[in-house]
Each structure stands twice: as structure tokens, then as C-alpha cells.
């Protein structure tokens, strides 16, 4: 093959890494693709790592061992992440966002791939070292943020449904309290998971916590360990919903009926942004 110039190789390698977040790519893959020696590839990786770190674009790390190689993890700086989430909070605090019944209009934000990709990048970061095998969400509004989180983690997205679909085969059903005095059902195909895996639960909105607790219960039926809970927007609580780690991007006070809902960045994000500053 024609000799590849180093500048061309650097661009291509950075592109390949960014398209495969949190996945270990063996050095030999780059050696074979570009006809380069391992020492040259190592120098290229060091250059890409330096640039990614310098401009807060992510983390490039070498993974040692038999299955070793290089791995890219998208990571914006905590200060940049906090600034982004503050912008979302400002948008959600606009008076025309309020909906009847104590809800906020989120659909335009959740349908914007640029915004949801940024949210997914922030939500994935605390879970990078938790060995998550898949992301679980509940249909339907939480799917965009959950999908982007799964992409950043390099794992599949599974969707719990309110009713099973014939094309998914047999399913496990559970009934769970919705937190408002009612009972809901959710299901997941039996062949979707394997015993002993680890899940990250991601949802768009959490007030009473019924749906999140339902997904935790559903995972117990499959003997799946839940690594944590992540939300786009969650109600500010005096105590955590569970004993699992929780990572909301934003929290709100007020019920939206007797008092207005006020949205702000979650405490853990405020702390991370302050520590970085």
C-alpha cells in the first residue's frame, strides 16, 4: 500500500478512537491499517493523548495486558460541563416551560442530538470504571439521553417496555408502585441480558422514583447488578432514592402546582466544577 504520511495517520487514528469510545483498540490494528511500526504508532498515540488532554477533549490511555491497546474516553472539563448544564437549567427555568400537572417541556432538548450527546458524555463519566455491560432505560422519552450515554460507555442500550413485543420473544414482567399511588408494569426480553452482568440505569425525569425503582427491581429478576442511577432531571431529595450512586445532571425544587419548579445543576456537578476551578 502507498506510504501514509504521519499527519494523515494522526487524523485517521484520532477519528477511529473517537468513533469507538471506551473500547480498547490493539496497537496492531493501527500498525496493520497504516503499515507503520509499533514504535511509530506509540509516538502517534502520545501526540493524540497530549492534544486531547490540552484541549479538554477526552482521555487517551494505554491499556496493558494480553487484551491491551489504546482507549479513548470522551471527557469535557468539569468547568465546561457545568457551564453547559447551567445553560440547560436556564432554558428549563423559562416560564413557558411549565406544563399542567407539575411537569416541564423537555421534548425539544431531548430531540437535539448535539445536546443529548453532551449530556451522555457527562453522565457516562462517573461510570467509566464501573465495568458496566449495558445501559437500561424505560421507553420512551429517556431513550435519546440513554442512547448517547451508552455510546460514550461503548455498551448496548436496553429498553424496558410497558408491554412486550412479539418480535422480542419471551419476556419477564414485573409490577411496581409508580410513586403516585398506582401500579405500573414493565417488561424486558429474557434473551436481552445474561446473569451476572452490570447495568447503569438512565432516565430523563425522576420525581417520585417509581420508574427507577421498578427498573432496579427488574434487574434483580435477571440477577443483574445495578452500578448506579443517572438522570437528566431529578427532584431534589433530602435522602437518596436508593443506596446506589446517583448522578442527576439537574435537580429541581417545587411541585409545579402550588409552587413553581426551579431547576439548577446537581450538587455533585457543582462540586466537581468547583474542585476543578
Protein backbone atom coordinates (compact mmCIF):
# COMPACT_ATOMS: atom_id res chain seq x y z
CA UNK A 1 0.00 0.00 0.00
CA UNK A 2 1.04 3.61 -0.51
CA UNK A 3 3.00 5.02 2.43
CA UNK A 4 0.77 7.03 4.76
CA UNK A 5 2.11 10.38 5.91
CA UNK A 6 2.23 10.95 9.65
CA UNK A 7 -0.22 13.86 9.57
CA UNK A 8 -2.74 11.73 7.68
CA UNK A 9 -2.18 8.85 10.11
CA UNK A 10 -2.76 11.09 13.14
CA UNK A 11 -6.06 12.40 11.78
CA UNK A 12 -7.28 8.90 10.90
CA UNK A 13 -6.24 7.43 14.26
CA UNK A 14 -7.94 10.23 16.20
CA UNK A 15 -11.09 9.66 14.14
CA UNK A 16 -11.06 5.90 14.76
CA UNK A 17 -10.60 6.39 18.51
CA UNK A 18 -13.37 9.00 18.74
CA UNK A 19 -15.77 6.71 16.84
CA UNK A 20 -15.13 3.88 19.30
CA UNK A 21 -15.37 5.48 22.76
CA UNK A 22 -14.32 3.41 25.78
CA UNK A 23 -13.27 0.48 23.58
CA UNK A 24 -9.75 -0.90 23.68
CA UNK A 25 -8.18 -0.95 20.22
CA UNK A 26 -5.00 -3.06 19.92
CA UNK A 27 -1.94 -1.24 18.62
CA UNK A 28 -1.61 -3.91 15.94
CA UNK A 29 -4.85 -2.69 14.35
CA UNK A 30 -3.20 0.65 13.60
CA UNK A 31 0.07 -1.00 12.56
CA UNK A 32 -1.71 -3.20 10.02
CA UNK A 33 -4.01 -0.48 8.72
CA UNK A 34 -1.34 2.15 8.14
CA UNK A 35 1.70 -0.06 7.52
CA UNK A 36 3.52 1.54 10.44
CA UNK A 37 5.87 0.15 13.06
CA UNK A 38 4.59 -0.16 16.61
CA UNK A 39 7.09 2.45 17.78
CA UNK A 40 5.66 4.95 15.28
CA UNK A 41 2.11 4.17 16.37
CA UNK A 42 3.14 4.65 20.02
CA UNK A 43 4.53 8.09 19.19
CA UNK A 44 1.30 8.97 17.38
CA UNK A 45 -0.81 7.87 20.35
CA UNK A 46 1.32 10.02 22.66
CA UNK A 47 0.72 13.04 20.41
CA UNK A 48 -3.05 12.43 20.26
CA UNK A 49 -3.17 11.99 24.05
CA UNK A 50 -1.37 15.30 24.56
CA UNK A 51 -3.74 17.23 22.28
CA UNK A 52 -6.88 15.63 23.75
CA UNK A 53 -5.74 16.50 27.26
CA UNK A 54 -4.62 20.01 26.36
CA UNK A 55 -7.98 20.97 24.87
CA UNK A 56 -10.22 19.01 27.30
CA UNK A 57 -11.46 16.74 24.51
CA UNK A 58 -11.11 13.46 26.35
CA UNK A 59 -8.74 10.91 27.82
CA UNK A 60 -6.49 8.66 25.74
CA UNK A 61 -4.92 5.87 27.77
CA UNK A 62 -2.83 2.80 27.09
CA UNK A 63 -4.27 -0.44 28.48
CA UNK A 64 -1.68 -3.09 29.30
CA UNK A 65 -2.06 -6.86 29.30
CA UNK A 66 -2.92 -9.57 26.79
CA UNK A 67 -6.01 -7.69 25.60
CA UNK A 68 -4.28 -4.33 25.79
CA UNK A 69 -4.18 -1.44 23.39
CA UNK A 70 -5.35 2.16 23.45
CA UNK A 71 -8.69 3.53 24.67
CA UNK A 72 -10.37 6.90 24.21
CA UNK A 73 -12.91 8.23 26.70
CA UNK A 74 -14.81 11.43 25.80
CA UNK A 75 -14.44 13.86 28.70
CA UNK A 76 -15.09 17.57 28.67
CA UNK A 77 -13.61 19.53 31.56
CA UNK A 78 -15.83 19.74 34.64
CA UNK A 79 -15.92 23.52 34.35
CA UNK A 80 -17.08 23.27 30.74
CA UNK A 81 -19.63 20.60 31.71
CA UNK A 82 -21.01 22.78 34.48
CA UNK A 83 -21.30 25.76 32.13
CA UNK A 84 -23.22 23.60 29.65
CA UNK A 85 -25.61 22.29 32.33
CA UNK A 86 -26.18 25.82 33.65
CA UNK A 87 -27.32 26.75 30.15
CA UNK A 88 -29.81 23.86 30.17
CA UNK A 89 -31.05 24.92 33.62
CA UNK A 90 -31.60 28.47 32.41
CA UNK A 91 -33.62 27.19 29.47
CA UNK A 92 -35.75 24.97 31.73
CA UNK A 93 -36.46 27.83 34.13
CA UNK A 94 -38.15 29.85 31.38
CA UNK A 95 -41.84 30.45 32.34
CA UNK A 96 -43.17 28.95 29.10
CA UNK A 97 -41.60 25.57 30.01
CA UNK A 98 -44.23 24.85 32.70
CA UNK A 99 -46.84 22.24 31.78
CA UNK A 100 -50.08 21.31 33.59
CA UNK A 101 -49.68 18.74 36.36
CA UNK A 102 -46.26 19.89 37.52
CA UNK A 103 -44.11 18.97 34.51
CA UNK A 104 -41.63 20.77 32.27
CA UNK A 105 -41.44 20.70 28.50
CA UNK A 106 -38.31 18.68 27.66
CA UNK A 107 -39.01 17.27 24.21
CA UNK A 108 -37.08 19.86 22.21
CA UNK A 109 -33.96 19.32 24.34
CA UNK A 110 -34.25 15.53 24.27
CA UNK A 111 -34.63 15.53 20.47
CA UNK A 112 -31.48 17.60 19.88
CA UNK A 113 -28.58 15.18 19.15
CA UNK A 114 -25.93 17.80 19.96
CA UNK A 115 -27.39 18.46 23.42
CA UNK A 116 -28.09 14.81 24.22
CA UNK A 117 -24.57 13.81 23.15
CA UNK A 118 -23.14 16.34 25.61
CA UNK A 119 -25.46 15.07 28.35
CA UNK A 120 -24.49 11.47 27.61
CA UNK A 121 -20.81 12.35 27.82
CA UNK A 122 -21.26 13.88 31.28
CA UNK A 123 -23.47 11.05 32.56
CA UNK A 124 -21.07 8.37 31.33
CA UNK A 125 -18.00 9.81 33.04
CA UNK A 126 -18.67 8.59 36.63
CA UNK A 127 -19.33 5.08 35.27
CA UNK A 128 -16.26 4.55 33.10
CA UNK A 129 -14.51 2.40 35.69
CA UNK A 130 -17.60 0.54 36.95
CA UNK A 131 -17.43 -2.21 34.29
CA UNK A 132 -20.96 -1.54 33.04
CA UNK A 133 -22.18 -4.09 30.48
CA UNK A 134 -25.23 -2.16 29.27
CA UNK A 135 -27.42 0.89 29.85
CA UNK A 136 -31.07 0.35 30.75
CA UNK A 137 -33.83 2.89 30.26
CA UNK A 138 -37.62 2.95 30.16
CA UNK A 139 -39.49 3.75 26.98
CA UNK A 140 -39.71 6.34 25.54
CA UNK A 141 -38.58 9.88 26.39
CA UNK A 142 -35.40 8.76 28.14
CA UNK A 143 -34.11 6.88 25.10
CA UNK A 144 -32.07 9.72 23.46
CA UNK A 145 -30.04 10.54 26.58
CA UNK A 146 -29.65 6.85 27.46
CA UNK A 147 -28.51 6.04 23.91
CA UNK A 148 -25.83 8.73 23.99
CA UNK A 149 -24.68 7.57 27.44
CA UNK A 150 -24.43 4.00 26.15
CA UNK A 151 -22.44 5.20 23.13
CA UNK A 152 -19.94 7.00 25.36
CA UNK A 153 -19.57 3.89 27.51
CA UNK A 154 -19.23 1.68 24.44
CA UNK A 155 -22.03 -0.65 25.58
CA UNK A 156 -25.51 -1.62 24.29
CA UNK A 157 -28.73 0.15 25.24
CA UNK A 158 -31.63 -1.95 26.54
CA UNK A 159 -35.17 -0.58 26.75
CA UNK A 160 -37.71 -1.76 29.30
CA UNK A 161 -41.22 -1.68 27.87
CA UNK A 162 -44.67 -1.28 29.32
CA UNK A 163 -45.80 -4.22 27.18
CA UNK A 164 -43.72 -6.87 25.43
CA UNK A 165 -43.34 -7.08 21.66
CA UNK A 166 -43.78 -10.37 19.84
CA UNK A 167 -40.52 -9.87 17.91
CA UNK A 168 -38.55 -9.79 21.18
CA UNK A 169 -39.54 -13.30 22.26
CA UNK A 170 -40.46 -14.27 25.81
CA UNK A 171 -40.14 -11.56 28.43
CA UNK A 172 -40.07 -11.05 32.19
CA UNK A 173 -42.84 -8.82 33.56
CA UNK A 174 -42.94 -7.04 36.89
CA UNK A 175 -45.48 -4.79 38.59
CA UNK A 176 -44.19 -1.83 40.57
CA UNK A 177 -45.61 1.15 42.50
CA UNK A 178 -45.45 4.30 40.40
CA UNK A 179 -44.91 6.50 43.46
CA UNK A 180 -48.27 8.21 42.98
CA UNK A 181 -50.48 5.51 44.46
CA UNK A 182 -50.87 3.43 41.30
CA UNK A 183 -49.34 0.26 39.91
CA UNK A 184 -47.49 0.04 36.60
CA UNK A 185 -45.90 -2.84 34.69
CA UNK A 186 -42.66 -3.13 32.75
CA UNK A 187 -41.02 -5.94 30.84
CA UNK A 188 -37.70 -6.93 29.32
CA UNK A 189 -36.91 -9.73 26.87
CA UNK A 190 -35.30 -12.74 28.54
CA UNK A 191 -32.54 -13.03 25.96
CA UNK A 192 -31.55 -9.36 26.28
CA UNK A 193 -29.19 -9.89 29.24
CA UNK A 194 -27.03 -12.53 30.91
CA UNK A 195 -26.84 -13.29 34.61
CA UNK A 196 -24.01 -11.57 36.41
CA UNK A 197 -23.84 -8.52 34.17
CA UNK A 198 -23.80 -4.93 35.45
CA UNK A 199 -26.22 -2.20 34.38
CA UNK A 200 -26.37 1.57 34.51
CA UNK A 201 -29.94 2.87 34.70
CA UNK A 202 -30.54 6.13 32.81
CA UNK A 203 -33.80 8.08 32.61
CA UNK A 204 -34.86 11.55 31.58
CA UNK A 205 -37.03 12.62 34.55
CA UNK A 206 -37.35 11.43 38.13
CA UNK A 207 -39.84 12.81 40.63
CA UNK A 208 -41.30 10.06 42.81
CA UNK A 209 -38.74 7.49 41.69
CA UNK A 210 -41.23 4.76 40.89
CA UNK A 211 -39.91 4.02 37.42
CA UNK A 212 -36.28 3.98 38.54
CA UNK A 213 -37.07 1.65 41.44
CA UNK A 214 -39.06 -0.52 39.04
CA UNK A 215 -36.02 -0.90 36.79
CA UNK A 216 -33.87 -1.79 39.81
CA UNK A 217 -36.42 -4.48 40.72
CA UNK A 218 -36.49 -5.71 37.12
CA UNK A 219 -32.72 -6.16 37.16
CA UNK A 220 -32.97 -8.23 40.35
CA UNK A 221 -35.25 -10.63 38.46
CA UNK A 222 -32.39 -11.19 36.00
CA UNK A 223 -29.69 -11.37 38.70
CA UNK A 224 -28.13 -8.21 37.27
CA UNK A 225 -26.17 -5.83 39.50
CA UNK A 226 -27.06 -2.15 39.12
CA UNK A 227 -23.96 0.06 39.17
CA UNK A 228 -25.84 3.34 39.57
CA UNK A 229 -28.67 5.63 38.51
CA UNK A 230 -28.34 8.60 36.15
CA UNK A 231 -30.98 11.17 35.25
CA UNK A 232 -31.27 14.25 33.13
CA UNK A 233 -33.56 15.91 35.69
CA UNK A 234 -34.45 14.69 39.19
CA UNK A 235 -36.34 16.11 42.13
CA UNK A 236 -34.17 17.43 44.94
CA UNK A 237 -34.48 14.95 47.80
CA UNK A 238 -33.43 15.03 51.45
CA UNK A 239 -32.20 11.46 51.18
CA UNK A 240 -31.12 9.37 48.16
CA UNK A 241 -33.69 7.27 46.34
CA UNK A 242 -31.63 4.10 46.95
CA UNK A 243 -28.27 3.13 48.38
CA UNK A 244 -26.89 3.14 44.82
CA UNK A 245 -24.80 6.00 43.42
CA UNK A 246 -26.99 8.63 41.75
CA UNK A 247 -25.90 11.14 39.09
CA UNK A 248 -28.59 13.59 38.01
CA UNK A 249 -27.46 16.34 35.68
CA UNK A 250 -30.04 18.75 37.08
CA UNK A 251 -32.28 18.85 40.13
CA UNK A 252 -35.47 20.79 40.77
CA UNK A 253 -37.47 22.04 43.72
CA UNK A 254 -41.17 22.91 43.78
CA UNK A 255 -44.05 20.78 42.57
CA UNK A 256 -45.01 22.98 39.64
CA UNK A 257 -48.55 23.31 41.02
CA UNK A 258 -48.57 25.16 44.33
CA UNK A 259 -45.06 26.49 43.81
CA UNK A 260 -43.01 26.89 40.62
CA UNK A 261 -40.35 24.36 39.70
CA UNK A 262 -36.83 25.76 39.94
CA UNK A 263 -34.05 23.88 38.13
CA UNK A 264 -30.34 24.02 38.94
CA UNK A 265 -27.24 21.91 38.24
CA UNK A 266 -26.94 18.87 40.51
CA UNK A 267 -24.80 19.21 43.64
CA UNK A 268 -22.20 16.67 42.50
CA UNK A 269 -21.62 18.64 39.30
CA UNK A 270 -21.32 21.89 41.22
CA UNK A 271 -18.72 20.23 43.45
CA UNK A 272 -16.73 18.80 40.55
CA UNK A 273 -16.77 22.17 38.78
CA UNK A 274 -15.62 23.94 41.96
CA UNK A 275 -12.83 21.42 42.54
CA UNK A 276 -11.54 21.88 39.01
CA UNK A 277 -11.64 25.65 39.38
